[in-house]
Protein backbone atom coordinates (compact mmCIF):
# COMPACT_ATOMS: atom_id res chain seq x y z
CA UNK A 1 -9.61 134.41 56.40
CA UNK A 2 -7.55 131.33 55.55
CA UNK A 3 -4.36 132.85 56.98
CA UNK A 4 -6.17 133.55 60.25
CA UNK A 5 -7.38 129.95 60.44
CA UNK A 6 -3.77 128.79 59.99
CA UNK A 7 -2.70 131.09 62.84
CA UNK A 8 -5.45 129.69 65.07
CA UNK A 9 -4.47 126.10 64.25
CA UNK A 10 -0.82 126.94 64.91
CA UNK A 11 -1.70 128.52 68.26
CA UNK A 12 -3.77 125.47 69.18
CA UNK A 13 -0.80 123.21 68.42
CA UNK A 14 1.56 125.36 70.47
CA UNK A 15 -0.95 125.34 73.34
CA UNK A 16 -1.27 121.57 73.04
CA UNK A 17 2.48 121.09 73.44
CA UNK A 18 2.61 123.52 76.37
CA UNK A 19 -0.22 121.62 78.10
CA UNK A 20 1.64 118.38 77.35
CA UNK A 21 4.75 119.83 78.99
CA UNK A 22 2.72 120.55 82.13
CA UNK A 23 1.59 116.90 82.20
CA UNK A 24 5.17 115.74 81.71
CA UNK A 25 6.25 117.86 84.66
CA UNK A 26 3.51 116.33 86.81
CA UNK A 27 4.73 112.87 85.75
CA UNK A 28 8.29 113.99 86.58
CA UNK A 29 9.45 113.05 83.07
CA UNK A 30 12.06 115.78 82.68
CA UNK A 31 13.78 114.22 79.69
CA UNK A 32 10.65 114.44 77.53
CA UNK A 33 9.74 117.81 79.06
CA UNK A 34 13.02 119.33 77.88
CA UNK A 35 12.59 117.76 74.44
CA UNK A 36 9.12 119.27 74.02
CA UNK A 37 10.15 122.71 75.28
CA UNK A 38 13.27 122.81 73.10
CA UNK A 39 11.10 121.84 70.13
CA UNK A 40 8.66 124.68 70.79
CA UNK A 41 11.61 127.02 71.34
CA UNK A 42 13.07 126.36 67.86
CA UNK A 43 13.41 129.47 65.70
CA UNK A 44 10.95 128.11 63.14
CA UNK A 45 8.22 128.06 65.81
CA UNK A 46 9.31 130.88 68.09
CA UNK A 47 9.45 133.50 65.32
CA UNK A 48 5.73 133.03 64.51
CA UNK A 49 4.85 136.23 66.40
CA UNK A 50 1.31 136.48 65.01
CA UNK A 51 0.61 132.91 66.07
CA UNK A 52 2.07 133.40 69.55
CA UNK A 53 -0.28 136.36 70.04
CA UNK A 54 -3.17 133.88 70.11
CA UNK A 55 -1.57 131.74 72.85
CA UNK A 56 -2.87 132.58 76.32
CA UNK A 57 -0.76 134.61 78.74
CA UNK A 58 -0.89 131.76 81.23
CA UNK A 59 0.62 129.34 78.71
CA UNK A 60 3.26 131.89 77.66
CA UNK A 61 4.27 132.30 81.31
CA UNK A 62 4.44 128.52 81.68
CA UNK A 63 6.65 128.36 78.58
CA UNK A 64 8.97 131.06 79.90
CA UNK A 65 9.34 129.14 83.18
CA UNK A 66 10.30 126.00 81.32
CA UNK A 67 12.78 127.83 79.09
CA UNK A 68 14.37 129.30 82.21
CA UNK A 69 15.16 125.75 83.36
CA UNK A 70 17.88 125.60 80.72
CA UNK A 71 19.47 128.94 81.65
CA UNK A 72 22.87 129.24 83.32
CA UNK A 73 24.16 125.84 82.25
CA UNK A 74 20.96 124.05 83.34
CA UNK A 75 21.35 125.31 86.92
CA UNK A 76 17.61 125.39 87.73
CA UNK A 77 17.00 121.98 86.17
CA UNK A 78 19.86 120.50 88.20
CA UNK A 79 18.26 121.89 91.36
CA UNK A 80 14.87 120.46 90.38
CA UNK A 81 16.40 117.05 89.65
CA UNK A 82 18.26 117.10 92.96
CA UNK A 83 15.06 117.74 94.93
CA UNK A 84 12.60 115.64 92.92
CA UNK A 85 10.87 112.70 94.57
CA UNK A 86 11.23 109.32 92.91
CA UNK A 87 10.24 107.81 90.55
CA UNK A 88 11.37 110.35 87.96
CA UNK A 89 12.95 110.40 84.52
CA UNK A 90 15.85 112.86 84.62
CA UNK A 91 17.06 114.86 81.65
CA UNK A 92 20.03 112.77 80.56
CA UNK A 93 21.75 115.68 78.82
CA UNK A 94 22.63 117.21 82.18
CA UNK A 95 24.43 114.08 83.31
CA UNK A 96 26.10 113.46 79.96
CA UNK A 97 27.40 117.02 79.98
CA UNK A 98 28.90 116.52 83.42
CA UNK A 99 30.48 113.19 82.45
CA UNK A 100 31.98 114.58 79.25
CA UNK A 101 33.32 117.53 81.24
CA UNK A 102 35.04 115.17 83.66
CA UNK A 103 36.66 113.11 80.90
CA UNK A 104 37.77 116.15 78.93
CA UNK A 105 39.66 117.60 81.89
CA UNK A 106 43.42 117.31 81.15
CA UNK A 107 44.40 116.24 84.67
CA UNK A 108 41.87 113.41 84.68
CA UNK A 109 42.54 111.94 81.25
CA UNK A 110 45.20 109.24 80.99
CA UNK A 111 48.49 110.33 79.50
CA UNK A 112 50.56 108.30 77.06
CA UNK A 113 52.81 107.09 79.87
CA UNK A 114 49.86 105.84 81.90
CA UNK A 115 48.37 104.00 78.91
CA UNK A 116 51.54 101.94 78.39
């Protein structure tokens, strides 16, 4: 009985964070949305198969949609951020990844001759 109550409480907490992620999407706060979804997607949470069985199918589908945002090098999230109406809080990791990619390119980094 006690183990079942722990599963129910765990499922309620997962559902709470998935509902929170829906609110964050409505507020167009994509930085916090990605943080919440990546937290729920951690192995320590995701491998709780018995607990996830108690989460509704609707919330599981919502979760899968949010996880798909990070697929293919954040392609879907980049498209969402490109089309979003302002004001919005973008996921900064996407932009930092692009900036670090630019500065790590060998043709764009200054050489020793240019630094002198």
